[in-house]
Amino acid sequence: MGPRMRLSQASDFALRILMVAGQSDDPQTVGGLTERLGLAHSHVMKIVAHLAKGGYLETTRGRGGGIRLAKEPAAIRIGDVVRLMEPDLGVVACLKPEPTTCAFLPRCALKGAMARAAEAFIDSLNTQTLETILAGTQIASMPEVRK
């Protein structure tokens, strides 16, 4: 079986954190997100910080503080979030930021084809917003256990 385009866990976790934040007007806490999503505290802290830096979450300290969406769910496009979390979307080695050696560089049609495919993937995800995802998602109180 050949290589598959695969998003990192960070994208998965980031989208789930935004979904939880978008389900409620109440501010979330790192502890609450950790428990609700069954993720490691350190992962949640790192991803919340990244989403805040990217303008998707706002975090306030102290009483009445917490983690909230920084934008309306309708203004959060899923593809843009994935692009923030996966800046390279390196489907092939030459698209990754690390240096690579390739017999076909600098002139290779594969690199351009893969880059266009990655953009098409993001464009497709951008037809969905956090609002449309939340509208089609059944909210469970406890995480569902996959068998």
C-alpha atoms as a PDB file:
ATOM      1  CA  MET A   1       0.000   0.000   0.000  1.00  0.00           C
ATOM      2  CA  GLY A   2       1.432   3.384  -1.053  1.00  0.00           C
ATOM      3  CA  PRO A   3       1.698   6.558   1.023  1.00  0.00           C
ATOM      4  CA  ARG A   4      -1.559   8.323   1.858  1.00  0.00           C
ATOM      5  CA  MET A   5      -2.197  11.967   2.516  1.00  0.00           C
ATOM      6  CA  ARG A   6      -2.653  12.111   6.245  1.00  0.00           C
ATOM      7  CA  LEU A   7      -3.337  15.018   8.553  1.00  0.00           C
ATOM      8  CA  SER A   8      -1.487  15.206  11.819  1.00  0.00           C
ATOM      9  CA  GLN A   9      -3.188  14.606  15.147  1.00  0.00           C
ATOM     10  CA  ALA A  10      -2.809  18.334  15.750  1.00  0.00           C
ATOM     11  CA  SER A  11      -5.365  19.113  13.007  1.00  0.00           C
ATOM     12  CA  ASP A  12      -7.781  16.550  14.385  1.00  0.00           C
ATOM     13  CA  PHE A  13      -7.403  17.902  17.926  1.00  0.00           C
ATOM     14  CA  ALA A  14      -7.651  21.535  16.785  1.00  0.00           C
ATOM     15  CA  LEU A  15     -10.928  20.913  14.964  1.00  0.00           C
ATOM     16  CA  ARG A  16     -12.371  19.049  17.956  1.00  0.00           C
ATOM     17  CA  ILE A  17     -11.323  21.856  20.332  1.00  0.00           C
ATOM     18  CA  LEU A  18     -13.033  24.418  18.066  1.00  0.00           C
ATOM     19  CA  MET A  19     -16.157  22.232  17.923  1.00  0.00           C
ATOM     20  CA  VAL A  20     -16.385  22.094  21.727  1.00  0.00           C
ATOM     21  CA  ALA A  21     -15.755  25.854  22.002  1.00  0.00           C
ATOM     22  CA  GLY A  22     -18.416  26.468  19.349  1.00  0.00           C
ATOM     23  CA  GLN A  23     -21.045  24.346  21.128  1.00  0.00           C
ATOM     24  CA  SER A  24     -21.325  26.638  24.129  1.00  0.00           C
ATOM     25  CA  ASP A  25     -21.227  30.326  24.987  1.00  0.00           C
ATOM     26  CA  ASP A  26     -19.562  29.416  28.276  1.00  0.00           C
ATOM     27  CA  PRO A  27     -15.780  29.748  28.336  1.00  0.00           C
ATOM     28  CA  GLN A  28     -13.891  26.454  28.289  1.00  0.00           C
ATOM     29  CA  THR A  29     -10.867  25.537  30.369  1.00  0.00           C
ATOM     30  CA  VAL A  30      -7.845  23.481  29.333  1.00  0.00           C
ATOM     31  CA  GLY A  31      -8.807  20.980  32.047  1.00  0.00           C
ATOM     32  CA  GLY A  32     -12.369  20.775  30.769  1.00  0.00           C
ATOM     33  CA  LEU A  33     -11.256  20.295  27.164  1.00  0.00           C
ATOM     34  CA  THR A  34      -8.726  17.678  28.244  1.00  0.00           C
ATOM     35  CA  GLU A  35     -11.416  15.689  30.049  1.00  0.00           C
ATOM     36  CA  ARG A  36     -14.148  16.175  27.455  1.00  0.00           C
ATOM     37  CA  LEU A  37     -11.977  15.169  24.500  1.00  0.00           C
ATOM     38  CA  GLY A  38      -9.845  12.561  26.259  1.00  0.00           C
ATOM     39  CA  LEU A  39      -6.620  14.269  25.182  1.00  0.00           C
ATOM     40  CA  ALA A  40      -3.336  14.945  26.962  1.00  0.00           C
ATOM     41  CA  HIS A  41      -3.253  18.236  28.895  1.00  0.00           C
ATOM     42  CA  SER A  42       0.006  19.242  27.165  1.00  0.00           C
ATOM     43  CA  HIS A  43      -1.531  18.670  23.690  1.00  0.00           C
ATOM     44  CA  VAL A  44      -4.561  20.786  24.528  1.00  0.00           C
ATOM     45  CA  MET A  45      -2.418  23.630  25.916  1.00  0.00           C
ATOM     46  CA  LYS A  46      -0.159  23.656  22.852  1.00  0.00           C
ATOM     47  CA  ILE A  47      -3.036  23.539  20.349  1.00  0.00           C
ATOM     48  CA  VAL A  48      -5.107  26.164  22.178  1.00  0.00           C
ATOM     49  CA  ALA A  49      -2.065  28.483  22.112  1.00  0.00           C
ATOM     50  CA  HIS A  50      -1.594  27.843  18.375  1.00  0.00           C
ATOM     51  CA  LEU A  51      -5.297  28.457  17.625  1.00  0.00           C
ATOM     52  CA  ALA A  52      -5.211  31.650  19.711  1.00  0.00           C
ATOM     53  CA  LYS A  53      -2.127  32.878  17.840  1.00  0.00           C
ATOM     54  CA  GLY A  54      -3.931  32.075  14.567  1.00  0.00           C
ATOM     55  CA  GLY A  55      -6.921  34.194  15.628  1.00  0.00           C
ATOM     56  CA  TYR A  56      -9.440  31.377  16.141  1.00  0.00           C
ATOM     57  CA  LEU A  57      -9.574  31.326  19.955  1.00  0.00           C
ATOM     58  CA  GLU A  58      -9.268  33.992  22.593  1.00  0.00           C
ATOM     59  CA  THR A  59      -7.993  33.130  26.024  1.00  0.00           C
ATOM     60  CA  THR A  60      -8.479  35.239  29.140  1.00  0.00           C
ATOM     61  CA  ARG A  61      -7.088  34.607  32.587  1.00  0.00           C
ATOM     62  CA  GLY A  62      -8.760  34.946  35.942  1.00  0.00           C
ATOM     63  CA  ARG A  63     -12.316  34.816  37.193  1.00  0.00           C
ATOM     64  CA  GLY A  64     -14.825  34.544  34.357  1.00  0.00           C
ATOM     65  CA  GLY A  65     -11.944  33.885  31.965  1.00  0.00           C
ATOM     66  CA  GLY A  66     -11.279  30.885  29.822  1.00  0.00           C
ATOM     67  CA  ILE A  67     -11.173  29.819  26.194  1.00  0.00           C
ATOM     68  CA  ARG A  68     -13.733  31.123  23.696  1.00  0.00           C
ATOM     69  CA  LEU A  69     -14.035  31.344  19.929  1.00  0.00           C
ATOM     70  CA  ALA A  70     -12.491  34.564  18.652  1.00  0.00           C
ATOM     71  CA  LYS A  71     -14.784  34.523  15.585  1.00  0.00           C
ATOM     72  CA  GLU A  72     -18.318  33.466  14.821  1.00  0.00           C
ATOM     73  CA  PRO A  73     -18.532  29.780  13.767  1.00  0.00           C
ATOM     74  CA  ALA A  74     -19.733  30.883  10.308  1.00  0.00           C
ATOM     75  CA  ALA A  75     -16.458  32.812   9.840  1.00  0.00           C
ATOM     76  CA  ILE A  76     -14.210  29.825  10.656  1.00  0.00           C
ATOM     77  CA  ARG A  77     -13.473  27.855   7.491  1.00  0.00           C
ATOM     78  CA  ILE A  78     -12.331  24.282   8.129  1.00  0.00           C
ATOM     79  CA  GLY A  79      -9.662  24.343   5.406  1.00  0.00           C
ATOM     80  CA  ASP A  80      -8.092  27.486   6.857  1.00  0.00           C
ATOM     81  CA  VAL A  81      -7.784  25.774  10.250  1.00  0.00           C
ATOM     82  CA  VAL A  82      -6.158  22.732   8.634  1.00  0.00           C
ATOM     83  CA  ARG A  83      -3.759  25.018   6.727  1.00  0.00           C
ATOM     84  CA  LEU A  84      -2.789  26.710  10.018  1.00  0.00           C
ATOM     85  CA  MET A  85      -2.115  23.338  11.642  1.00  0.00           C
ATOM     86  CA  GLU A  86      -0.451  21.753   8.548  1.00  0.00           C
ATOM     87  CA  PRO A  87       1.602  24.535   6.964  1.00  0.00           C
ATOM     88  CA  ASP A  88       3.386  22.212   4.540  1.00  0.00           C
ATOM     89  CA  LEU A  89       0.732  19.551   3.751  1.00  0.00           C
ATOM     90  CA  GLY A  90       3.770  17.658   2.497  1.00  0.00           C
ATOM     91  CA  VAL A  91       2.200  14.897   0.448  1.00  0.00           C
ATOM     92  CA  VAL A  92       5.548  14.332  -1.241  1.00  0.00           C
ATOM     93  CA  ALA A  93       9.022  14.937   0.196  1.00  0.00           C
ATOM     94  CA  CYS A  94       9.763  17.961  -2.021  1.00  0.00           C
ATOM     95  CA  LEU A  95       6.778  19.861  -0.559  1.00  0.00           C
ATOM     96  CA  LYS A  96       8.003  19.443   2.996  1.00  0.00           C
ATOM     97  CA  PRO A  97      10.050  22.264   4.533  1.00  0.00           C
ATOM     98  CA  GLU A  98      13.066  20.033   5.260  1.00  0.00           C
ATOM     99  CA  PRO A  99      15.800  19.831   2.611  1.00  0.00           C
ATOM    100  CA  THR A 100      15.419  16.891   0.263  1.00  0.00           C
ATOM    101  CA  THR A 101      17.456  15.283  -2.489  1.00  0.00           C
ATOM    102  CA  CYS A 102      15.668  14.321  -5.681  1.00  0.00           C
ATOM    103  CA  ALA A 103      16.980  13.236  -9.069  1.00  0.00           C
ATOM    104  CA  PHE A 104      14.250  15.253 -10.816  1.00  0.00           C
ATOM    105  CA  LEU A 105      14.699  18.647  -9.148  1.00  0.00           C
ATOM    106  CA  PRO A 106      14.715  21.521  -9.964  1.00  0.00           C
ATOM    107  CA  ARG A 107      12.414  20.702 -12.896  1.00  0.00           C
ATOM    108  CA  CYS A 108       9.679  18.205 -12.012  1.00  0.00           C
ATOM    109  CA  ALA A 109       5.977  18.231 -12.870  1.00  0.00           C
ATOM    110  CA  LEU A 110       5.112  16.001  -9.901  1.00  0.00           C
ATOM    111  CA  LYS A 111       5.816  18.727  -7.339  1.00  0.00           C
ATOM    112  CA  GLY A 112       3.366  21.132  -8.996  1.00  0.00           C
ATOM    113  CA  ALA A 113       0.720  18.437  -9.399  1.00  0.00           C
ATOM    114  CA  MET A 114       0.944  17.505  -5.719  1.00  0.00           C
ATOM    115  CA  ALA A 115       0.893  21.154  -4.611  1.00  0.00           C
ATOM    116  CA  ARG A 116      -2.288  21.723  -6.685  1.00  0.00           C
ATOM    117  CA  ALA A 117      -3.869  18.597  -5.172  1.00  0.00           C
ATOM    118  CA  ALA A 118      -3.091  19.843  -1.641  1.00  0.00           C
ATOM    119  CA  GLU A 119      -4.687  23.223  -2.505  1.00  0.00           C
ATOM    120  CA  ALA A 120      -7.775  21.444  -3.906  1.00  0.00           C
ATOM    121  CA  PHE A 121      -8.017  19.510  -0.628  1.00  0.00           C
ATOM    122  CA  ILE A 122      -7.949  22.771   1.383  1.00  0.00           C
ATOM    123  CA  ASP A 123     -10.430  24.420  -1.028  1.00  0.00           C
ATOM    124  CA  SER A 124     -12.807  21.478  -0.591  1.00  0.00           C
ATOM    125  CA  LEU A 125     -12.581  21.718   3.213  1.00  0.00           C
ATOM    126  CA  ASN A 126     -13.190  25.467   2.929  1.00  0.00           C
ATOM    127  CA  THR A 127     -16.695  24.797   1.608  1.00  0.00           C
ATOM    128  CA  GLN A 128     -17.445  23.906   5.251  1.00  0.00           C
ATOM    129  CA  THR A 129     -17.375  26.233   8.229  1.00  0.00           C
ATOM    130  CA  LEU A 130     -17.423  25.462  11.921  1.00  0.00           C
ATOM    131  CA  GLU A 131     -21.107  26.477  11.802  1.00  0.00           C
ATOM    132  CA  THR A 132     -22.005  23.896   9.128  1.00  0.00           C
ATOM    133  CA  ILE A 133     -19.993  21.201  10.913  1.00  0.00           C
ATOM    134  CA  LEU A 134     -21.690  21.939  14.254  1.00  0.00           C
ATOM    135  CA  ALA A 135     -25.124  21.934  12.591  1.00  0.00           C
ATOM    136  CA  GLY A 136     -24.530  18.404  11.318  1.00  0.00           C
ATOM    137  CA  THR A 137     -22.958  17.039  14.496  1.00  0.00           C
ATOM    138  CA  GLN A 138     -24.819  15.312  17.285  1.00  0.00           C
ATOM    139  CA  ILE A 139     -23.505  16.600  20.584  1.00  0.00           C
ATOM    140  CA  ALA A 140     -22.630  13.798  22.988  1.00  0.00           C
ATOM    141  CA  SER A 141     -22.033  14.480  26.656  1.00  0.00           C
ATOM    142  CA  MET A 142     -19.282  11.883  26.905  1.00  0.00           C
ATOM    143  CA  PRO A 143     -16.697  10.982  24.243  1.00  0.00           C
ATOM    144  CA  GLU A 144     -17.762   8.105  22.056  1.00  0.00           C
ATOM    145  CA  VAL A 145     -15.586   5.041  22.405  1.00  0.00           C
ATOM    146  CA  ARG A 146     -14.563   3.566  19.046  1.00  0.00           C
ATOM    147  CA  LYS A 147     -14.498  -0.222  18.868  1.00  0.00           C
END
